[in-house]
Amino acid sequence: MQQNETIRTTKRNSEDKKALIHRLNRINGQIRGITKMIEEDRYCEDILIQLSAVEQSVKSLASILLERHLKNCVKNDILEGKDESLNEVVHLFKRF
């Protein structure tokens, strides 16, 4: 990050933060479980199934964040005449 660049933030209520952190903690638990499976020389297919579950969990979290971003941040920016949010959305969709 460049020195003069500002860090953008999103205000979230405590309920939303709690739900997002809960999902992240579950994902962390899944990752720790996979680490343990590898340490225990578990069968590859079992590990791959767990990795797929983690991937789905991350995608689900990303979808929730994207939806909230569109409904709140982008919507508010558009109402305020800030068109750069549309460019961000296009960029986000290209990444997904």
PDB file of N, CA and C in Angstrom:
ATOM      1  N   MET A   1       0.842  -1.172   0.000  1.00  0.00           N
ATOM      2  CA  MET A   1       0.000   0.000   0.000  1.00  0.00           C
ATOM      3  C   MET A   1       0.892   1.242   0.000  1.00  0.00           C
ATOM      4  N   GLN A   2       0.495   2.208  -0.790  1.00  0.00           N
ATOM      5  CA  GLN A   2       1.247   3.443  -0.853  1.00  0.00           C
ATOM      6  C   GLN A   2       1.001   4.273   0.398  1.00  0.00           C
ATOM      7  N   GLN A   3       1.924   5.135   0.700  1.00  0.00           N
ATOM      8  CA  GLN A   3       1.884   5.904   1.941  1.00  0.00           C
ATOM      9  C   GLN A   3       0.656   6.804   2.048  1.00  0.00           C
ATOM     10  N   ASN A   4       0.232   7.417   0.958  1.00  0.00           N
ATOM     11  CA  ASN A   4      -0.888   8.360   0.996  1.00  0.00           C
ATOM     12  C   ASN A   4      -2.235   7.691   0.769  1.00  0.00           C
ATOM     13  N   GLU A   5      -2.238   6.399   0.519  1.00  0.00           N
ATOM     14  CA  GLU A   5      -3.475   5.678   0.246  1.00  0.00           C
ATOM     15  C   GLU A   5      -4.280   5.492   1.527  1.00  0.00           C
ATOM     16  N   THR A   6      -5.577   5.776   1.456  1.00  0.00           N
ATOM     17  CA  THR A   6      -6.412   5.628   2.642  1.00  0.00           C
ATOM     18  C   THR A   6      -7.001   4.217   2.685  1.00  0.00           C
ATOM     19  N   ILE A   7      -7.205   3.744   3.876  1.00  0.00           N
ATOM     20  CA  ILE A   7      -7.808   2.437   4.069  1.00  0.00           C
ATOM     21  C   ILE A   7      -9.311   2.626   4.154  1.00  0.00           C
ATOM     22  N   ARG A   8     -10.036   1.932   3.281  1.00  0.00           N
ATOM     23  CA  ARG A   8     -11.487   2.033   3.287  1.00  0.00           C
ATOM     24  C   ARG A   8     -12.035   1.063   4.324  1.00  0.00           C
ATOM     25  N   THR A   9     -13.126   1.423   4.939  1.00  0.00           N
ATOM     26  CA  THR A   9     -13.733   0.565   5.954  1.00  0.00           C
ATOM     27  C   THR A   9     -15.229   0.410   5.666  1.00  0.00           C
ATOM     28  N   THR A  10     -15.787  -0.608   6.270  1.00  0.00           N
ATOM     29  CA  THR A  10     -17.227  -0.842   6.203  1.00  0.00           C
ATOM     30  C   THR A  10     -17.725  -1.015   7.624  1.00  0.00           C
ATOM     31  N   LYS A  11     -18.657  -0.196   8.013  1.00  0.00           N
ATOM     32  CA  LYS A  11     -19.251  -0.330   9.345  1.00  0.00           C
ATOM     33  C   LYS A  11     -20.228  -1.495   9.341  1.00  0.00           C
ATOM     34  N   ARG A  12     -20.039  -2.403  10.281  1.00  0.00           N
ATOM     35  CA  ARG A  12     -20.935  -3.544  10.434  1.00  0.00           C
ATOM     36  C   ARG A  12     -21.488  -3.526  11.844  1.00  0.00           C
ATOM     37  N   ASN A  13     -22.741  -3.916  11.987  1.00  0.00           N
ATOM     38  CA  ASN A  13     -23.291  -3.977  13.327  1.00  0.00           C
ATOM     39  C   ASN A  13     -22.729  -5.211  14.036  1.00  0.00           C
ATOM     40  N   SER A  14     -22.866  -5.252  15.344  1.00  0.00           N
ATOM     41  CA  SER A  14     -22.246  -6.319  16.123  1.00  0.00           C
ATOM     42  C   SER A  14     -22.812  -7.692  15.757  1.00  0.00           C
ATOM     43  N   GLU A  15     -24.075  -7.755  15.387  1.00  0.00           N
ATOM     44  CA  GLU A  15     -24.686  -9.025  14.991  1.00  0.00           C
ATOM     45  C   GLU A  15     -24.068  -9.574  13.708  1.00  0.00           C
ATOM     46  N   ASP A  16     -23.880  -8.696  12.717  1.00  0.00           N
ATOM     47  CA  ASP A  16     -23.250  -9.112  11.462  1.00  0.00           C
ATOM     48  C   ASP A  16     -21.803  -9.547  11.692  1.00  0.00           C
ATOM     49  N   LYS A  17     -21.071  -8.755  12.475  1.00  0.00           N
ATOM     50  CA  LYS A  17     -19.678  -9.116  12.775  1.00  0.00           C
ATOM     51  C   LYS A  17     -19.609 -10.480  13.433  1.00  0.00           C
ATOM     52  N   LYS A  18     -20.485 -10.702  14.402  1.00  0.00           N
ATOM     53  CA  LYS A  18     -20.497 -11.965  15.131  1.00  0.00           C
ATOM     54  C   LYS A  18     -20.754 -13.134  14.180  1.00  0.00           C
ATOM     55  N   ALA A  19     -21.718 -12.979  13.276  1.00  0.00           N
ATOM     56  CA  ALA A  19     -22.053 -14.043  12.324  1.00  0.00           C
ATOM     57  C   ALA A  19     -20.890 -14.319  11.368  1.00  0.00           C
ATOM     58  N   LEU A  20     -20.253 -13.251  10.878  1.00  0.00           N
ATOM     59  CA  LEU A  20     -19.126 -13.429   9.957  1.00  0.00           C
ATOM     60  C   LEU A  20     -17.937 -14.084  10.668  1.00  0.00           C
ATOM     61  N   ILE A  21     -17.658 -13.633  11.866  1.00  0.00           N
ATOM     62  CA  ILE A  21     -16.549 -14.212  12.631  1.00  0.00           C
ATOM     63  C   ILE A  21     -16.836 -15.668  12.974  1.00  0.00           C
ATOM     64  N   HIS A  22     -18.099 -15.983  13.276  1.00  0.00           N
ATOM     65  CA  HIS A  22     -18.480 -17.369  13.558  1.00  0.00           C
ATOM     66  C   HIS A  22     -18.187 -18.253  12.342  1.00  0.00           C
ATOM     67  N   ARG A  23     -18.554 -17.779  11.161  1.00  0.00           N
ATOM     68  CA  ARG A  23     -18.281 -18.544   9.935  1.00  0.00           C
ATOM     69  C   ARG A  23     -16.774 -18.714   9.728  1.00  0.00           C
ATOM     70  N   LEU A  24     -16.018 -17.655   9.960  1.00  0.00           N
ATOM     71  CA  LEU A  24     -14.564 -17.745   9.802  1.00  0.00           C
ATOM     72  C   LEU A  24     -13.959 -18.721  10.800  1.00  0.00           C
ATOM     73  N   ASN A  25     -14.462 -18.711  12.017  1.00  0.00           N
ATOM     74  CA  ASN A  25     -13.964 -19.655  13.023  1.00  0.00           C
ATOM     75  C   ASN A  25     -14.260 -21.092  12.621  1.00  0.00           C
ATOM     76  N   ARG A  26     -15.429 -21.316  12.032  1.00  0.00           N
ATOM     77  CA  ARG A  26     -15.756 -22.660  11.548  1.00  0.00           C
ATOM     78  C   ARG A  26     -14.812 -23.083  10.434  1.00  0.00           C
ATOM     79  N   ILE A  27     -14.505 -22.155   9.535  1.00  0.00           N
ATOM     80  CA  ILE A  27     -13.567 -22.455   8.450  1.00  0.00           C
ATOM     81  C   ILE A  27     -12.185 -22.757   9.022  1.00  0.00           C
ATOM     82  N   ASN A  28     -11.761 -21.968   9.997  1.00  0.00           N
ATOM     83  CA  ASN A  28     -10.470 -22.229  10.658  1.00  0.00           C
ATOM     84  C   ASN A  28     -10.461 -23.611  11.292  1.00  0.00           C
ATOM     85  N   GLY A  29     -11.574 -24.009  11.907  1.00  0.00           N
ATOM     86  CA  GLY A  29     -11.674 -25.332  12.500  1.00  0.00           C
ATOM     87  C   GLY A  29     -11.561 -26.426  11.446  1.00  0.00           C
ATOM     88  N   GLN A  30     -12.185 -26.198  10.298  1.00  0.00           N
ATOM     89  CA  GLN A  30     -12.086 -27.157   9.204  1.00  0.00           C
ATOM     90  C   GLN A  30     -10.633 -27.293   8.738  1.00  0.00           C
ATOM     91  N   ILE A  31      -9.947 -26.180   8.626  1.00  0.00           N
ATOM     92  CA  ILE A  31      -8.542 -26.191   8.197  1.00  0.00           C
ATOM     93  C   ILE A  31      -7.685 -26.941   9.217  1.00  0.00           C
ATOM     94  N   ARG A  32      -7.914 -26.675  10.496  1.00  0.00           N
ATOM     95  CA  ARG A  32      -7.162 -27.393  11.538  1.00  0.00           C
ATOM     96  C   ARG A  32      -7.437 -28.893  11.461  1.00  0.00           C
ATOM     97  N   GLY A  33      -8.675 -29.253  11.167  1.00  0.00           N
ATOM     98  CA  GLY A  33      -9.025 -30.665  11.015  1.00  0.00           C
ATOM     99  C   GLY A  33      -8.277 -31.304   9.855  1.00  0.00           C
ATOM    100  N   ILE A  34      -8.159 -30.574   8.757  1.00  0.00           N
ATOM    101  CA  ILE A  34      -7.428 -31.091   7.595  1.00  0.00           C
ATOM    102  C   ILE A  34      -5.943 -31.241   7.926  1.00  0.00           C
ATOM    103  N   THR A  35      -5.403 -30.284   8.650  1.00  0.00           N
ATOM    104  CA  THR A  35      -4.002 -30.382   9.074  1.00  0.00           C
ATOM    105  C   THR A  35      -3.786 -31.651   9.885  1.00  0.00           C
ATOM    106  N   LYS A  36      -4.692 -31.903  10.809  1.00  0.00           N
ATOM    107  CA  LYS A  36      -4.598 -33.109  11.641  1.00  0.00           C
ATOM    108  C   LYS A  36      -4.713 -34.375  10.790  1.00  0.00           C
ATOM    109  N   MET A  37      -5.604 -34.343   9.795  1.00  0.00           N
ATOM    110  CA  MET A  37      -5.753 -35.501   8.912  1.00  0.00           C
ATOM    111  C   MET A  37      -4.454 -35.804   8.174  1.00  0.00           C
ATOM    112  N   ILE A  38      -3.777 -34.762   7.721  1.00  0.00           N
ATOM    113  CA  ILE A  38      -2.507 -34.949   7.017  1.00  0.00           C
ATOM    114  C   ILE A  38      -1.447 -35.485   7.979  1.00  0.00           C
ATOM    115  N   GLU A  39      -1.406 -34.925   9.181  1.00  0.00           N
ATOM    116  CA  GLU A  39      -0.449 -35.401  10.190  1.00  0.00           C
ATOM    117  C   GLU A  39      -0.680 -36.877  10.512  1.00  0.00           C
ATOM    118  N   GLU A  40      -1.941 -37.304  10.457  1.00  0.00           N
ATOM    119  CA  GLU A  40      -2.296 -38.690  10.778  1.00  0.00           C
ATOM    120  C   GLU A  40      -2.269 -39.607   9.561  1.00  0.00           C
ATOM    121  N   ASP A  41      -1.780 -39.086   8.413  1.00  0.00           N
ATOM    122  CA  ASP A  41      -1.695 -39.877   7.181  1.00  0.00           C
ATOM    123  C   ASP A  41      -3.045 -40.436   6.730  1.00  0.00           C
ATOM    124  N   ARG A  42      -4.082 -39.631   6.871  1.00  0.00           N
ATOM    125  CA  ARG A  42      -5.417 -40.066   6.458  1.00  0.00           C
ATOM    126  C   ARG A  42      -5.469 -40.237   4.945  1.00  0.00           C
ATOM    127  N   TYR A  43      -6.428 -40.988   4.501  1.00  0.00           N
ATOM    128  CA  TYR A  43      -6.608 -41.321   3.092  1.00  0.00           C
ATOM    129  C   TYR A  43      -6.867 -40.047   2.274  1.00  0.00           C
ATOM    130  N   CYS A  44      -6.241 -39.977   1.086  1.00  0.00           N
ATOM    131  CA  CYS A  44      -6.314 -38.774   0.239  1.00  0.00           C
ATOM    132  C   CYS A  44      -7.747 -38.353  -0.067  1.00  0.00           C
ATOM    133  N   GLU A  45      -8.594 -39.311  -0.398  1.00  0.00           N
ATOM    134  CA  GLU A  45      -9.973 -38.974  -0.744  1.00  0.00           C
ATOM    135  C   GLU A  45     -10.679 -38.275   0.415  1.00  0.00           C
ATOM    136  N   ASP A  46     -10.440 -38.747   1.640  1.00  0.00           N
ATOM    137  CA  ASP A  46     -11.058 -38.126   2.809  1.00  0.00           C
ATOM    138  C   ASP A  46     -10.598 -36.675   2.964  1.00  0.00           C
ATOM    139  N   ILE A  47      -9.323 -36.444   2.729  1.00  0.00           N
ATOM    140  CA  ILE A  47      -8.783 -35.078   2.825  1.00  0.00           C
ATOM    141  C   ILE A  47      -9.361 -34.202   1.722  1.00  0.00           C
ATOM    142  N   LEU A  48      -9.442 -34.742   0.524  1.00  0.00           N
ATOM    143  CA  LEU A  48      -9.994 -33.974  -0.596  1.00  0.00           C
ATOM    144  C   LEU A  48     -11.452 -33.594  -0.356  1.00  0.00           C
ATOM    145  N   ILE A  49     -12.206 -34.497   0.241  1.00  0.00           N
ATOM    146  CA  ILE A  49     -13.598 -34.194   0.561  1.00  0.00           C
ATOM    147  C   ILE A  49     -13.671 -33.033   1.553  1.00  0.00           C
ATOM    148  N   GLN A  50     -12.804 -33.045   2.543  1.00  0.00           N
ATOM    149  CA  GLN A  50     -12.780 -31.954   3.518  1.00  0.00           C
ATOM    150  C   GLN A  50     -12.323 -30.643   2.884  1.00  0.00           C
ATOM    151  N   LEU A  51     -11.366 -30.728   1.966  1.00  0.00           N
ATOM    152  CA  LEU A  51     -10.927 -29.519   1.255  1.00  0.00           C
ATOM    153  C   LEU A  51     -12.063 -28.940   0.426  1.00  0.00           C
ATOM    154  N   SER A  52     -12.861 -29.799  -0.178  1.00  0.00           N
ATOM    155  CA  SER A  52     -14.011 -29.338  -0.945  1.00  0.00           C
ATOM    156  C   SER A  52     -15.013 -28.640  -0.033  1.00  0.00           C
ATOM    157  N   ALA A  53     -15.193 -29.184   1.176  1.00  0.00           N
ATOM    158  CA  ALA A  53     -16.110 -28.559   2.143  1.00  0.00           C
ATOM    159  C   ALA A  53     -15.613 -27.172   2.536  1.00  0.00           C
ATOM    160  N   VAL A  54     -14.308 -27.034   2.719  1.00  0.00           N
ATOM    161  CA  VAL A  54     -13.733 -25.724   3.052  1.00  0.00           C
ATOM    162  C   VAL A  54     -13.951 -24.754   1.898  1.00  0.00           C
ATOM    163  N   GLU A  55     -13.710 -25.223   0.692  1.00  0.00           N
ATOM    164  CA  GLU A  55     -13.898 -24.374  -0.485  1.00  0.00           C
ATOM    165  C   GLU A  55     -15.335 -23.861  -0.556  1.00  0.00           C
ATOM    166  N   GLN A  56     -16.300 -24.732  -0.306  1.00  0.00           N
ATOM    167  CA  GLN A  56     -17.710 -24.332  -0.325  1.00  0.00           C
ATOM    168  C   GLN A  56     -18.012 -23.337   0.795  1.00  0.00           C
ATOM    169  N   SER A  57     -17.416 -23.554   1.956  1.00  0.00           N
ATOM    170  CA  SER A  57     -17.615 -22.631   3.080  1.00  0.00           C
ATOM    171  C   SER A  57     -17.086 -21.251   2.753  1.00  0.00           C
ATOM    172  N   VAL A  58     -15.922 -21.184   2.130  1.00  0.00           N
ATOM    173  CA  VAL A  58     -15.322 -19.895   1.758  1.00  0.00           C
ATOM    174  C   VAL A  58     -16.172 -19.217   0.688  1.00  0.00           C
ATOM    175  N   LYS A  59     -16.636 -19.987  -0.289  1.00  0.00           N
ATOM    176  CA  LYS A  59     -17.502 -19.412  -1.336  1.00  0.00           C
ATOM    177  C   LYS A  59     -18.796 -18.866  -0.744  1.00  0.00           C
ATOM    178  N   SER A  60     -19.354 -19.593   0.207  1.00  0.00           N
ATOM    179  CA  SER A  60     -20.585 -19.145   0.852  1.00  0.00           C
ATOM    180  C   SER A  60     -20.360 -17.828   1.597  1.00  0.00           C
ATOM    181  N   LEU A  61     -19.259 -17.736   2.319  1.00  0.00           N
ATOM    182  CA  LEU A  61     -18.929 -16.505   3.032  1.00  0.00           C
ATOM    183  C   LEU A  61     -18.709 -15.357   2.057  1.00  0.00           C
ATOM    184  N   ALA A  62     -18.004 -15.628   0.969  1.00  0.00           N
ATOM    185  CA  ALA A  62     -17.768 -14.595  -0.042  1.00  0.00           C
ATOM    186  C   ALA A  62     -19.089 -14.119  -0.649  1.00  0.00           C
ATOM    187  N   SER A  63     -20.017 -15.036  -0.882  1.00  0.00           N
ATOM    188  CA  SER A  63     -21.325 -14.655  -1.436  1.00  0.00           C
ATOM    189  C   SER A  63     -22.094 -13.757  -0.483  1.00  0.00           C
ATOM    190  N   ILE A  64     -22.038 -14.088   0.799  1.00  0.00           N
ATOM    191  CA  ILE A  64     -22.710 -13.254   1.798  1.00  0.00           C
ATOM    192  C   ILE A  64     -22.115 -11.848   1.808  1.00  0.00           C
ATOM    193  N   LEU A  65     -20.787 -11.770   1.821  1.00  0.00           N
ATOM    194  CA  LEU A  65     -20.126 -10.461   1.831  1.00  0.00           C
ATOM    195  C   LEU A  65     -20.419  -9.678   0.556  1.00  0.00           C
ATOM    196  N   LEU A  66     -20.412 -10.355  -0.584  1.00  0.00           N
ATOM    197  CA  LEU A  66     -20.694  -9.679  -1.847  1.00  0.00           C
ATOM    198  C   LEU A  66     -22.120  -9.130  -1.864  1.00  0.00           C
ATOM    199  N   GLU A  67     -23.069  -9.937  -1.407  1.00  0.00           N
ATOM    200  CA  GLU A  67     -24.457  -9.479  -1.371  1.00  0.00           C
ATOM    201  C   GLU A  67     -24.609  -8.252  -0.477  1.00  0.00           C
ATOM    202  N   ARG A  68     -24.021  -8.305   0.697  1.00  0.00           N
ATOM    203  CA  ARG A  68     -24.105  -7.160   1.622  1.00  0.00           C
ATOM    204  C   ARG A  68     -23.404  -5.942   1.052  1.00  0.00           C
ATOM    205  N   HIS A  69     -22.294  -6.170   0.367  1.00  0.00           N
ATOM    206  CA  HIS A  69     -21.565  -5.055  -0.251  1.00  0.00           C
ATOM    207  C   HIS A  69     -22.440  -4.373  -1.300  1.00  0.00           C
ATOM    208  N   LEU A  70     -23.095  -5.186  -2.129  1.00  0.00           N
ATOM    209  CA  LEU A  70     -23.951  -4.623  -3.173  1.00  0.00           C
ATOM    210  C   LEU A  70     -25.138  -3.874  -2.583  1.00  0.00           C
ATOM    211  N   LYS A  71     -25.789  -4.487  -1.586  1.00  0.00           N
ATOM    212  CA  LYS A  71     -27.001  -3.905  -1.019  1.00  0.00           C
ATOM    213  C   LYS A  71     -26.735  -2.698  -0.129  1.00  0.00           C
ATOM    214  N   ASN A  72     -25.538  -2.594   0.398  1.00  0.00           N
ATOM    215  CA  ASN A  72     -25.238  -1.487   1.302  1.00  0.00           C
ATOM    216  C   ASN A  72     -24.234  -0.519   0.698  1.00  0.00           C
ATOM    217  N   CYS A  73     -22.994  -0.936   0.613  1.00  0.00           N
ATOM    218  CA  CYS A  73     -21.920  -0.028   0.185  1.00  0.00           C
ATOM    219  C   CYS A  73     -22.150   0.530  -1.218  1.00  0.00           C
ATOM    220  N   VAL A  74     -22.369  -0.363  -2.173  1.00  0.00           N
ATOM    221  CA  VAL A  74     -22.520   0.076  -3.564  1.00  0.00           C
ATOM    222  C   VAL A  74     -23.792   0.900  -3.726  1.00  0.00           C
ATOM    223  N   LYS A  75     -24.866   0.427  -3.147  1.00  0.00           N
ATOM    224  CA  LYS A  75     -26.139   1.160  -3.234  1.00  0.00           C
ATOM    225  C   LYS A  75     -25.981   2.582  -2.688  1.00  0.00           C
ATOM    226  N   ASN A  76     -25.359   2.698  -1.512  1.00  0.00           N
ATOM    227  CA  ASN A  76     -25.175   4.022  -0.909  1.00  0.00           C
ATOM    228  C   ASN A  76     -24.274   4.906  -1.764  1.00  0.00           C
ATOM    229  N   ASP A  77     -23.202   4.318  -2.306  1.00  0.00           N
ATOM    230  CA  ASP A  77     -22.311   5.103  -3.170  1.00  0.00           C
ATOM    231  C   ASP A  77     -23.037   5.611  -4.411  1.00  0.00           C
ATOM    232  N   ILE A  78     -23.856   4.765  -5.010  1.00  0.00           N
ATOM    233  CA  ILE A  78     -24.591   5.174  -6.211  1.00  0.00           C
ATOM    234  C   ILE A  78     -25.567   6.298  -5.863  1.00  0.00           C
ATOM    235  N   LEU A  79     -26.253   6.164  -4.734  1.00  0.00           N
ATOM    236  CA  LEU A  79     -27.180   7.215  -4.316  1.00  0.00           C
ATOM    237  C   LEU A  79     -26.457   8.532  -4.058  1.00  0.00           C
ATOM    238  N   GLU A  80     -25.182   8.442  -3.660  1.00  0.00           N
ATOM    239  CA  GLU A  80     -24.376   9.640  -3.419  1.00  0.00           C
ATOM    240  C   GLU A  80     -23.651  10.109  -4.678  1.00  0.00           C
ATOM    241  N   GLY A  81     -23.880   9.442  -5.813  1.00  0.00           N
ATOM    242  CA  GLY A  81     -23.267   9.840  -7.075  1.00  0.00           C
ATOM    243  C   GLY A  81     -21.840   9.383  -7.249  1.00  0.00           C
ATOM    244  N   LYS A  82     -21.407   8.395  -6.504  1.00  0.00           N
ATOM    245  CA  LYS A  82     -20.040   7.876  -6.606  1.00  0.00           C
ATOM    246  C   LYS A  82     -20.028   6.667  -7.538  1.00  0.00           C
ATOM    247  N   ASP A  83     -19.642   6.901  -8.773  1.00  0.00           N
ATOM    248  CA  ASP A  83     -19.686   5.857  -9.792  1.00  0.00           C
ATOM    249  C   ASP A  83     -18.540   4.850  -9.691  1.00  0.00           C
ATOM    250  N   GLU A  84     -17.498   5.154  -8.928  1.00  0.00           N
ATOM    251  CA  GLU A  84     -16.361   4.231  -8.839  1.00  0.00           C
ATOM    252  C   GLU A  84     -16.752   2.882  -8.246  1.00  0.00           C
ATOM    253  N   SER A  85     -17.827   2.849  -7.483  1.00  0.00           N
ATOM    254  CA  SER A  85     -18.305   1.585  -6.920  1.00  0.00           C
ATOM    255  C   SER A  85     -18.732   0.612  -8.016  1.00  0.00           C
ATOM    256  N   LEU A  86     -19.279   1.140  -9.094  1.00  0.00           N
ATOM    257  CA  LEU A  86     -19.658   0.269 -10.209  1.00  0.00           C
ATOM    258  C   LEU A  86     -18.434  -0.395 -10.814  1.00  0.00           C
ATOM    259  N   ASN A  87     -17.355   0.347 -10.942  1.00  0.00           N
ATOM    260  CA  ASN A  87     -16.112  -0.231 -11.450  1.00  0.00           C
ATOM    261  C   ASN A  87     -15.593  -1.313 -10.505  1.00  0.00           C
ATOM    262  N   GLU A  88     -15.731  -1.093  -9.208  1.00  0.00           N
ATOM    263  CA  GLU A  88     -15.323  -2.103  -8.225  1.00  0.00           C
ATOM    264  C   GLU A  88     -16.132  -3.381  -8.402  1.00  0.00           C
ATOM    265  N   VAL A  89     -17.431  -3.232  -8.608  1.00  0.00           N
ATOM    266  CA  VAL A  89     -18.297  -4.401  -8.761  1.00  0.00           C
ATOM    267  C   VAL A  89     -17.903  -5.190 -10.009  1.00  0.00           C
ATOM    268  N   VAL A  90     -17.652  -4.502 -11.091  1.00  0.00           N
ATOM    269  CA  VAL A  90     -17.220  -5.176 -12.317  1.00  0.00           C
ATOM    270  C   VAL A  90     -15.930  -5.951 -12.046  1.00  0.00           C
ATOM    271  N   HIS A  91     -15.006  -5.314 -11.360  1.00  0.00           N
ATOM    272  CA  HIS A  91     -13.733  -5.965 -11.017  1.00  0.00           C
ATOM    273  C   HIS A  91     -13.971  -7.185 -10.124  1.00  0.00           C
ATOM    274  N   LEU A  92     -14.844  -7.063  -9.135  1.00  0.00           N
ATOM    275  CA  LEU A  92     -15.149  -8.182  -8.251  1.00  0.00           C
ATOM    276  C   LEU A  92     -15.732  -9.362  -9.019  1.00  0.00           C
ATOM    277  N   PHE A  93     -16.664  -9.092  -9.921  1.00  0.00           N
ATOM    278  CA  PHE A  93     -17.269 -10.175 -10.698  1.00  0.00           C
ATOM    279  C   PHE A  93     -16.257 -10.854 -11.592  1.00  0.00           C
ATOM    280  N   LYS A  94     -15.298 -10.129 -12.093  1.00  0.00           N
ATOM    281  CA  LYS A  94     -14.240 -10.743 -12.904  1.00  0.00           C
ATOM    282  C   LYS A  94     -13.382 -11.678 -12.060  1.00  0.00           C
ATOM    283  N   ARG A  95     -13.219 -11.355 -10.776  1.00  0.00           N
ATOM    284  CA  ARG A  95     -12.409 -12.207  -9.887  1.00  0.00           C
ATOM    285  C   ARG A  95     -13.149 -13.474  -9.484  1.00  0.00           C
ATOM    286  N   PHE A  96     -14.465 -13.404  -9.403  1.00  0.00           N
ATOM    287  CA  PHE A  96     -15.251 -14.565  -9.011  1.00  0.00           C
ATOM    288  C   PHE A  96     -15.609 -15.341 -10.250  1.00  0.00           C
TER     289      PHE A  96
END
